[in-house]
Protein backbone atom coordinates (compact mmCIF):
# COMPACT_ATOMS: atom_id res chain seq x y z
CA MET A 1 24.61 65.32 -6.42
CA ARG A 2 25.71 63.73 -3.17
CA ARG A 3 26.48 64.96 0.28
CA LYS A 4 30.03 64.94 1.61
CA VAL A 5 29.86 63.00 4.82
CA LYS A 6 31.94 64.56 7.59
CA HIS A 7 31.51 64.49 11.33
CA MET A 8 32.25 68.23 11.46
CA ASN A 9 32.27 70.70 8.57
CA THR A 10 35.71 72.22 9.01
CA SER A 11 35.36 74.51 5.97
CA PHE A 12 32.16 76.14 7.19
CA ALA A 13 34.02 78.86 9.13
CA GLN A 14 35.19 80.47 5.90
CA HIS A 15 31.67 81.55 4.96
CA THR A 16 30.96 85.23 5.42
CA HIS A 17 27.34 85.17 4.24
CA TYR A 18 24.50 82.68 4.27
CA VAL A 19 21.72 82.29 1.71
CA GLY A 20 18.35 80.64 2.11
CA LEU A 21 16.74 79.80 -1.23
CA ASP A 22 13.06 78.90 -1.37
CA TRP A 23 12.80 77.25 -4.76
CA ALA A 24 9.81 76.83 -7.04
CA LYS A 25 9.21 75.71 -10.59
CA ASP A 26 9.44 79.12 -12.26
CA HIS A 27 10.95 81.45 -9.65
CA HIS A 28 13.03 81.43 -6.46
CA GLU A 29 13.12 83.71 -3.41
CA VAL A 30 16.48 84.49 -1.82
CA VAL A 31 17.35 85.87 1.62
CA LEU A 32 21.02 86.62 2.30
CA LEU A 33 22.34 87.09 5.85
CA ASP A 34 25.68 88.18 7.26
CA ARG A 35 27.36 86.55 10.25
CA ALA A 36 25.35 88.68 12.67
CA GLY A 37 22.06 87.51 11.15
CA THR A 38 21.28 90.83 9.49
CA ILE A 39 19.36 90.62 6.23
CA VAL A 40 21.75 91.96 3.61
CA ALA A 41 19.69 91.16 0.52
CA ASN A 42 16.26 89.83 -0.35
CA PHE A 43 15.18 89.32 -3.94
CA VAL A 44 13.20 87.06 -6.27
CA PHE A 45 14.50 85.83 -9.63
CA HIS A 46 13.02 83.76 -12.42
CA HIS A 47 14.23 80.27 -13.23
CA ASP A 48 15.79 81.13 -16.57
CA ALA A 49 19.16 82.19 -17.95
CA VAL A 50 18.63 85.87 -17.10
CA GLY A 51 17.47 85.07 -13.57
CA TRP A 52 20.41 82.85 -12.75
CA THR A 53 22.82 85.39 -14.19
CA GLU A 54 21.35 87.97 -11.82
CA PHE A 55 21.68 85.54 -8.88
CA ARG A 56 25.36 84.95 -9.64
CA LYS A 57 26.01 88.70 -9.83
CA GLN A 58 24.41 89.14 -6.43
CA VAL A 59 26.37 86.41 -4.63
CA GLN A 60 29.70 87.27 -6.27
CA ARG A 61 29.75 90.49 -4.25
CA TYR A 62 30.59 88.51 -1.11
CA PRO A 63 33.81 86.60 -0.33
CA SER A 64 32.33 83.21 0.61
CA VAL A 65 28.67 82.24 0.41
CA GLY A 66 26.89 79.15 1.66
CA VAL A 67 23.46 78.36 0.21
CA THR A 68 20.86 76.08 1.74
CA VAL A 69 17.97 74.69 -0.28
CA GLU A 70 15.19 72.23 0.44
CA THR A 71 16.35 69.61 -2.10
CA SER A 72 19.52 67.78 -3.08
CA GLN A 73 18.90 67.24 -6.78
CA GLY A 74 17.30 68.73 -9.84
CA ALA A 75 17.88 71.74 -12.09
CA THR A 76 17.97 74.25 -9.23
CA VAL A 77 20.73 72.39 -7.40
CA ALA A 78 22.67 71.92 -10.65
CA GLU A 79 22.62 75.69 -11.21
CA LEU A 80 23.69 76.40 -7.64
CA VAL A 81 26.66 74.04 -7.86
CA THR A 82 27.94 75.91 -10.92
CA SER A 83 27.42 79.32 -9.30
CA GLY A 84 30.56 79.28 -7.16
CA VAL A 85 28.71 78.78 -3.87
CA THR A 86 28.74 75.94 -1.35
CA VAL A 87 25.40 74.14 -1.32
CA TYR A 88 23.89 72.66 1.84
CA PRO A 89 20.72 70.64 1.19
CA VAL A 90 18.21 70.32 4.00
CA HIS A 91 15.48 67.74 4.46
CA PRO A 92 11.89 69.05 4.05
CA GLN A 93 11.02 67.90 7.57
CA ALA A 94 14.01 69.77 8.97
CA ALA A 95 13.08 72.86 6.93
CA LYS A 96 9.58 72.71 8.39
CA ALA A 97 11.00 72.57 11.93
CA TYR A 98 13.35 75.49 11.24
CA ARG A 99 10.41 77.54 9.95
CA LYS A 100 8.43 76.81 13.14
CA ARG A 101 11.42 77.93 15.18
CA GLN A 102 11.33 81.33 13.48
CA ALA A 103 7.54 81.59 13.11
CA PRO A 104 5.81 79.56 15.85
CA SER A 105 2.51 81.25 14.93
CA GLY A 106 2.38 79.11 11.78
CA THR A 107 3.08 81.92 9.32
CA LYS A 108 4.28 80.52 6.00
CA THR A 109 5.47 82.65 3.11
CA ASP A 110 8.28 82.33 0.60
CA PHE A 111 10.20 84.99 2.50
CA VAL A 112 9.80 83.22 5.84
CA ASP A 113 10.88 79.93 4.29
CA ALA A 114 14.00 81.46 2.75
CA TRP A 115 14.84 83.48 5.87
CA SER A 116 14.45 80.51 8.24
CA LEU A 117 16.69 78.40 6.01
CA ALA A 118 19.38 81.08 5.86
CA ASP A 119 19.34 81.57 9.63
CA ALA A 120 19.41 77.81 10.22
CA LEU A 121 22.49 77.58 8.03
CA ARG A 122 24.12 80.44 9.92
CA LEU A 123 23.48 78.87 13.32
CA ASP A 124 23.69 75.13 12.64
CA GLY A 125 25.53 74.85 9.35
CA HIS A 126 28.82 73.85 10.97
CA GLN A 127 27.26 70.41 11.48
CA TRP A 128 25.79 70.13 7.97
CA ARG A 129 27.25 68.37 4.98
CA ALA A 130 27.94 70.18 1.75
CA LEU A 131 27.12 68.84 -1.67
CA SER A 132 29.87 67.92 -4.06
CA ALA A 133 29.66 67.56 -7.82
CA GLN A 134 28.89 63.97 -8.77
CA ASP A 135 30.98 61.88 -11.12
CA PRO A 136 29.40 62.56 -14.57
CA LEU A 137 29.36 58.85 -15.41
CA VAL A 138 27.61 57.99 -12.15
CA ALA A 139 25.18 60.88 -12.55
CA GLU A 140 24.23 59.73 -16.04
CA LEU A 141 23.93 56.11 -14.95
CA ARG A 142 21.70 57.07 -12.02
CA LEU A 143 19.35 59.05 -14.25
CA LEU A 144 19.20 56.24 -16.79
CA CYS A 145 18.45 53.63 -14.13
CA ARG A 146 15.81 55.72 -12.39
CA ASP A 147 14.13 56.63 -15.66
CA GLU A 148 14.15 52.97 -16.67
CA VAL A 149 12.35 52.09 -13.44
CA GLU A 150 9.76 54.78 -14.11
CA LEU A 151 9.19 53.42 -17.61
CA ILE A 152 8.78 49.92 -16.18
CA THR A 153 6.21 51.33 -13.75
CA GLN A 154 4.33 52.85 -16.68
CA ARG A 155 4.50 49.54 -18.51
CA THR A 156 2.97 47.80 -15.50
CA ALA A 157 0.12 50.32 -15.44
CA LEU A 158 -0.51 49.82 -19.17
CA VAL A 159 -0.47 46.03 -18.78
CA ASN A 160 -3.04 46.30 -16.00
CA GLN A 161 -5.24 48.45 -18.24
CA LEU A 162 -4.89 45.97 -21.09
CA GLN A 163 -5.85 43.05 -18.89
CA ALA A 164 -8.86 44.97 -17.57
CA ALA A 165 -10.00 45.70 -21.12
CA LEU A 166 -9.58 42.06 -22.18
CA TYR A 167 -11.55 40.92 -19.15
CA GLU A 168 -14.53 42.88 -20.45
CA TYR A 169 -14.72 41.22 -23.86
CA TYR A 170 -11.92 38.68 -24.45
CA PRO A 171 -11.55 36.21 -21.52
CA ALA A 172 -10.02 33.57 -23.82
CA ALA A 173 -6.92 35.75 -24.30
CA LEU A 174 -6.38 35.98 -20.55
CA GLU A 175 -6.87 32.23 -20.24
CA ALA A 176 -4.34 31.44 -22.97
CA PHE A 177 -1.50 33.59 -21.60
CA ASP A 178 -0.40 34.25 -18.03
CA ASP A 179 2.40 36.83 -18.27
CA TRP A 180 1.14 39.93 -20.05
CA THR A 181 4.45 41.76 -19.69
CA GLN A 182 5.77 39.62 -22.55
CA PRO A 183 5.74 41.23 -26.04
CA PHE A 184 4.16 38.16 -27.65
CA THR A 185 0.94 38.77 -25.71
CA TRP A 186 0.65 42.23 -27.21
CA ALA A 187 1.39 40.78 -30.63
CA PHE A 188 -1.44 38.32 -30.07
CA VAL A 189 -3.90 41.16 -29.44
CA GLN A 190 -2.68 42.92 -32.59
CA ALA A 191 -3.00 39.74 -34.66
CA PHE A 192 -6.39 38.70 -33.23
CA PRO A 193 -7.99 41.82 -31.69
CA THR A 194 -11.41 40.20 -31.10
CA PRO A 195 -12.64 36.72 -30.14
CA GLN A 196 -14.54 36.57 -33.41
CA GLU A 197 -11.39 37.10 -35.47
CA LEU A 198 -9.60 34.43 -33.47
CA GLY A 199 -12.52 32.02 -33.83
CA THR A 200 -12.75 32.44 -37.59
CA ALA A 201 -8.98 32.20 -38.13
CA THR A 202 -7.77 28.95 -39.66
CA PRO A 203 -6.08 26.38 -37.41
CA HIS A 204 -2.95 26.84 -39.52
CA ARG A 205 -2.83 30.57 -38.79
CA ARG A 206 -3.17 29.93 -35.06
CA ARG A 207 -0.34 27.40 -35.13
CA VAL A 208 1.81 29.77 -37.18
CA PHE A 209 1.41 32.45 -34.49
CA LEU A 210 2.62 30.08 -31.79
CA HIS A 211 5.60 28.95 -33.86
CA THR A 212 6.50 32.49 -34.95
CA HIS A 213 6.73 33.68 -31.37
CA LYS A 214 8.46 30.50 -30.15
CA LEU A 215 5.49 29.50 -28.02
CA TRP A 216 5.06 25.97 -29.30
CA ARG A 217 5.50 23.68 -26.32
CA PRO A 218 4.23 20.09 -26.12
CA ASP A 219 2.65 20.75 -22.72
CA THR A 220 0.88 24.03 -23.63
CA ALA A 221 0.32 24.08 -27.40
CA ALA A 222 -2.71 21.75 -27.44
CA ARG A 223 -4.37 23.62 -24.58
CA ARG A 224 -3.86 27.00 -26.22
CA LEU A 225 -5.20 25.77 -29.57
CA GLU A 226 -8.28 24.44 -27.78
CA ILE A 227 -8.82 27.83 -26.11
CA PHE A 228 -8.41 29.59 -29.46
CA ALA A 229 -11.02 27.35 -31.07
CA ARG A 230 -13.73 28.24 -28.53
CA ALA A 231 -12.77 31.90 -27.99
CA ASP A 232 -15.98 33.27 -29.52
CA GLN A 233 -18.27 31.06 -27.42
CA PHE A 234 -17.87 33.16 -24.26
CA CYS A 235 -17.08 36.83 -24.85
CA GLY A 236 -18.47 40.33 -24.50
CA ALA A 237 -21.41 41.82 -26.33
CA ALA A 238 -20.90 43.31 -29.79
CA ALA A 239 -20.91 46.92 -28.57
CA VAL A 240 -18.46 46.13 -25.77
CA THR A 241 -16.22 44.20 -28.14
CA ARG A 242 -16.05 47.04 -30.66
CA ALA A 243 -15.19 49.62 -28.00
CA LYS A 244 -12.79 47.60 -25.87
CA SER A 245 -10.95 46.02 -28.81
CA LEU A 246 -10.00 49.52 -29.97
CA LEU A 247 -8.64 50.26 -26.50
CA ALA A 248 -6.78 46.93 -26.41
CA LEU A 249 -5.18 47.60 -29.80
CA SER A 250 -4.12 51.08 -28.67
CA LEU A 251 -2.59 49.76 -25.46
CA ALA A 252 -0.81 46.95 -27.29
CA ALA A 253 0.71 49.45 -29.72
CA VAL A 254 1.87 51.72 -26.88
CA LEU A 255 3.36 48.77 -24.99
CA THR A 256 5.23 47.60 -28.08
CA THR A 257 6.75 51.05 -28.54
CA LEU A 258 7.57 51.34 -24.86
CA GLU A 259 9.32 47.97 -24.88
CA THR A 260 11.51 49.17 -27.76
CA ARG A 261 12.57 52.18 -25.73
CA LEU A 262 13.24 50.02 -22.68
CA THR A 263 15.54 47.88 -24.82
CA THR A 264 17.43 51.03 -25.80
CA TYR A 265 17.68 52.05 -22.14
CA ARG A 266 18.97 48.63 -21.18
CA ALA A 267 21.72 48.76 -23.83
CA GLU A 268 22.78 52.25 -22.75
CA ILE A 269 22.83 51.27 -19.06
CA GLU A 270 24.94 48.20 -19.78
CA LYS A 271 27.37 50.33 -21.79
CA ARG A 272 27.76 52.94 -19.05
CA PHE A 273 28.02 50.29 -16.34
CA ALA A 274 30.84 48.53 -18.20
CA GLU A 275 32.75 51.82 -18.41
CA HIS A 276 32.78 52.33 -14.64
CA PRO A 277 35.87 50.99 -12.81
CA ASP A 278 33.68 49.47 -10.04
CA HIS A 279 31.53 47.34 -12.35
CA ASP A 280 33.31 44.13 -11.29
CA VAL A 281 32.64 44.89 -7.62
CA PHE A 282 28.90 45.31 -8.08
CA GLY A 283 28.59 42.66 -10.76
CA SER A 284 29.97 40.02 -8.39
CA LEU A 285 27.13 40.36 -5.87
CA PRO A 286 24.83 37.32 -5.68
CA GLY A 287 21.44 37.86 -7.28
CA VAL A 288 22.03 41.29 -8.84
CA GLY A 289 21.93 40.11 -12.44
CA GLY A 290 22.23 42.61 -15.26
CA LYS A 291 19.69 45.11 -13.94
CA LEU A 292 20.29 45.52 -10.22
CA ALA A 293 24.09 45.79 -10.40
CA PRO A 294 24.03 49.09 -12.36
CA ARG A 295 21.28 50.44 -10.12
CA LEU A 296 23.27 49.70 -6.96
CA LEU A 297 26.39 51.29 -8.42
CA SER A 298 24.49 54.39 -9.50
CA GLU A 299 23.01 54.88 -6.04
CA LEU A 300 26.30 54.44 -4.15
CA GLY A 301 28.41 56.39 -6.61
CA SER A 302 32.20 56.64 -6.59
CA ASP A 303 32.90 58.93 -3.63
CA ARG A 304 34.04 56.65 -0.77
CA GLY A 305 33.85 59.55 1.63
CA GLN A 306 30.12 59.79 1.05
CA TYR A 307 29.53 56.93 3.47
CA PRO A 308 32.34 56.76 6.10
CA ALA A 309 30.59 53.86 7.86
CA ALA A 310 28.20 51.10 6.88
CA GLY A 311 25.56 52.64 9.13
CA ASN A 312 25.40 55.77 6.98
CA LEU A 313 24.69 53.64 3.94
CA GLN A 314 22.05 51.60 5.76
CA CYS A 315 20.22 54.73 6.90
CA VAL A 316 20.11 56.24 3.43
CA ALA A 317 18.87 52.94 1.98
CA GLY A 318 16.16 52.69 4.63
CA THR A 319 17.17 49.31 6.05
CA ALA A 320 18.30 50.68 9.43
CA PRO A 321 15.37 51.04 11.85
CA VAL A 322 14.44 54.26 13.61
CA SER A 323 14.84 54.04 17.39
CA PHE A 324 12.41 55.57 19.87
CA ALA A 325 13.32 55.69 23.53
CA SER A 326 11.47 57.56 26.28
CA GLY A 327 11.69 56.51 29.91
CA GLN A 328 11.10 52.76 30.01
CA ILE A 329 9.75 52.65 26.44
CA ARG A 330 12.09 51.19 23.85
CA ARG A 331 10.84 50.80 20.30
CA ALA A 332 12.13 50.48 16.76
CA LYS A 333 10.18 51.20 13.62
CA ILE A 334 10.69 51.26 9.87
CA ARG A 335 12.68 54.17 8.44
CA TRP A 336 10.39 55.97 5.99
CA HIS A 337 12.59 59.01 5.38
CA CYS A 338 15.24 57.60 3.08
CA ASP A 339 16.20 57.36 -0.59
CA ARG A 340 13.20 55.50 -2.02
CA HIS A 341 15.05 54.58 -5.23
CA PHE A 342 17.88 53.09 -3.21
CA ARG A 343 15.49 51.26 -0.88
CA HIS A 344 13.56 49.76 -3.79
CA THR A 345 16.76 48.51 -5.41
CA VAL A 346 18.13 47.02 -2.19
CA HIS A 347 14.78 45.34 -1.46
CA LEU A 348 14.80 43.64 -4.87
CA TRP A 349 18.42 42.62 -4.45
CA ALA A 350 17.81 41.05 -1.03
CA ASP A 351 14.92 39.03 -2.44
CA CYS A 352 16.94 37.84 -5.44
CA SER A 353 20.03 37.03 -3.35
CA ARG A 354 18.27 34.46 -1.18
CA LYS A 355 17.47 32.41 -4.29
CA VAL A 356 21.15 31.92 -5.15
CA CYS A 357 22.90 32.31 -1.78
CA ALA A 358 22.44 29.65 0.91
CA TRP A 359 23.27 31.80 3.93
CA ALA A 360 20.99 34.60 2.67
CA GLN A 361 18.03 32.22 2.42
CA ALA A 362 18.80 30.77 5.85
CA TYR A 363 19.03 34.26 7.34
CA TYR A 364 15.74 35.29 5.73
CA GLN A 365 13.98 32.13 6.88
CA ALA A 366 15.22 32.61 10.45
CA HIS A 367 13.53 35.99 10.61
CA ARG A 368 10.36 34.60 9.07
CA THR A 369 10.34 31.91 11.75
CA LYS A 370 10.40 34.67 14.35
CA GLY A 371 7.08 35.86 12.98
CA GLN A 372 8.37 38.75 10.89
CA SER A 373 6.67 39.62 7.61
CA HIS A 374 8.23 39.00 4.22
CA ALA A 375 9.10 42.70 3.83
CA CYS A 376 10.58 42.94 7.34
CA ALA A 377 12.72 39.83 6.83
CA LEU A 378 14.01 41.25 3.55
CA ARG A 379 14.93 44.53 5.25
CA CYS A 380 16.90 42.60 7.86
CA LEU A 381 18.68 40.66 5.12
CA ALA A 382 19.33 43.87 3.17
CA GLN A 383 20.77 45.43 6.32
CA ARG A 384 23.32 42.64 6.48
CA TRP A 385 24.04 42.74 2.75
CA LEU A 386 24.71 46.48 2.83
CA LYS A 387 27.33 46.01 5.52
CA ILE A 388 29.08 43.52 3.23
CA LEU A 389 28.66 45.75 0.19
CA TRP A 390 30.05 48.75 2.02
CA ARG A 391 33.22 46.84 2.91
CA MET A 392 33.59 45.58 -0.67
CA TRP A 393 33.01 49.08 -2.03
CA GLN A 394 35.55 50.67 0.30
CA ASP A 395 38.20 48.03 -0.49
CA ARG A 396 37.28 47.81 -4.21
CA GLN A 397 37.10 44.03 -3.89
CA PRO A 398 34.55 41.74 -5.61
CA TYR A 399 32.35 39.48 -3.52
CA ASP A 400 34.05 36.21 -2.54
CA GLU A 401 31.78 33.55 -1.03
CA ASN A 402 34.71 31.69 0.53
CA ARG A 403 36.14 34.85 2.06
CA HIS A 404 32.76 35.72 3.50
CA ALA A 405 32.42 32.23 4.99
CA LEU A 406 35.85 32.56 6.62
CA ASN A 407 34.86 35.93 8.11
CA GLN A 408 31.71 34.34 9.52
CA GLN A 409 33.78 31.62 11.17
CA LYS A 410 36.34 34.13 12.44
CA HIS A 411 33.70 36.26 14.15
CA GLY A 412 31.58 33.31 15.27
CA SER A 413 28.54 34.50 13.34
CA TRP A 414 25.22 32.93 14.37
CA VAL A 415 24.35 32.70 10.67
CA LEU A 416 26.63 29.65 10.46
CA GLN A 417 24.17 27.73 12.61
CA LEU A 418 21.41 28.45 10.11
CA LYS A 419 23.15 27.29 6.95
CA PRO A 420 21.99 23.86 5.76
CA LYS A 421 24.48 21.05 6.30
CA LYS A 422 26.02 19.51 3.19
CA ALA A 423 25.25 15.85 2.68
């Protein structure tokens, strides 16, 4: 689900009643107000088919109902969208402030939460943005991409555990291979789970492993064979080896299975990405590759009205700074309240783009020269990239390096002074 971005909610005046819904995992509390702020209904229902049927019966009694809830996604929001009501999501920090407005004493109950949300919608909702149903293809692609990232995070955690276990009893394995996110490293642990098994294996078997997994390189093969030959000379004690080798084998098996599922995810994401009409727009961006392009598309979606200006997009992605001004104090700080999935994707894209785009690297280096950190320089670069992406997205035009260079010249961009001169 995404918010409809409008400067003023012109359809808000049609609402006759306002609902605050304090949601939980297994039940939800509802407070329903009329235009005068009188509590018309207050009830609790369970998060199941019967409960949602009862909720729909309750709200269908009124001509037009607006519902505010402290989230913009998930099963609760999906049910609300299909209930014939207009949904207005509110940020948790804003919900906390609204509750303090109604209960400055600090009282916090489910009723107070729901009531404060309903009254906030009644009083301030004309400035809020309503949710609209997301394009099913975009919604599916977003879930696939986010779940893939979570699986990659789990893989990283498992790799760290595997390396920690090997450090205890099998230092030769860590010395032989550097990148333990590669499947052949897990296969190595499964083929030679202990230093003793590797040490007693025949030289032919060791060479066969390297050839089978396409690891035979003139510059590394001899070194790896030498490490294999002396693996049992420096290793853990027998008790440690027996215990930790079982853990290493278990982790290697889990990682192998997880990698198979990630391959399935990648194929499904590529299929869905190719079906979207904007795949050429996002696929043309420098540095996105096959993984970041679908993630960017899934986060932006298809509704051009979602972000009427580049600044809206930059705020949601977390690249736009937060300003603080009081008297003579003027400060800017990082924007923490944003879409963390979007910010992570944009951060990776900015870093990858500078490796293939000359002006992006020059822009990044200029900010580093000013004393900014790596992360800060990438945020500045991402801020600029998002402005370009927003224009491409609105116009449905792929990225054109020459066109971008002409626009830089037309507007006298200072980035031109940073680009390296061609010999």
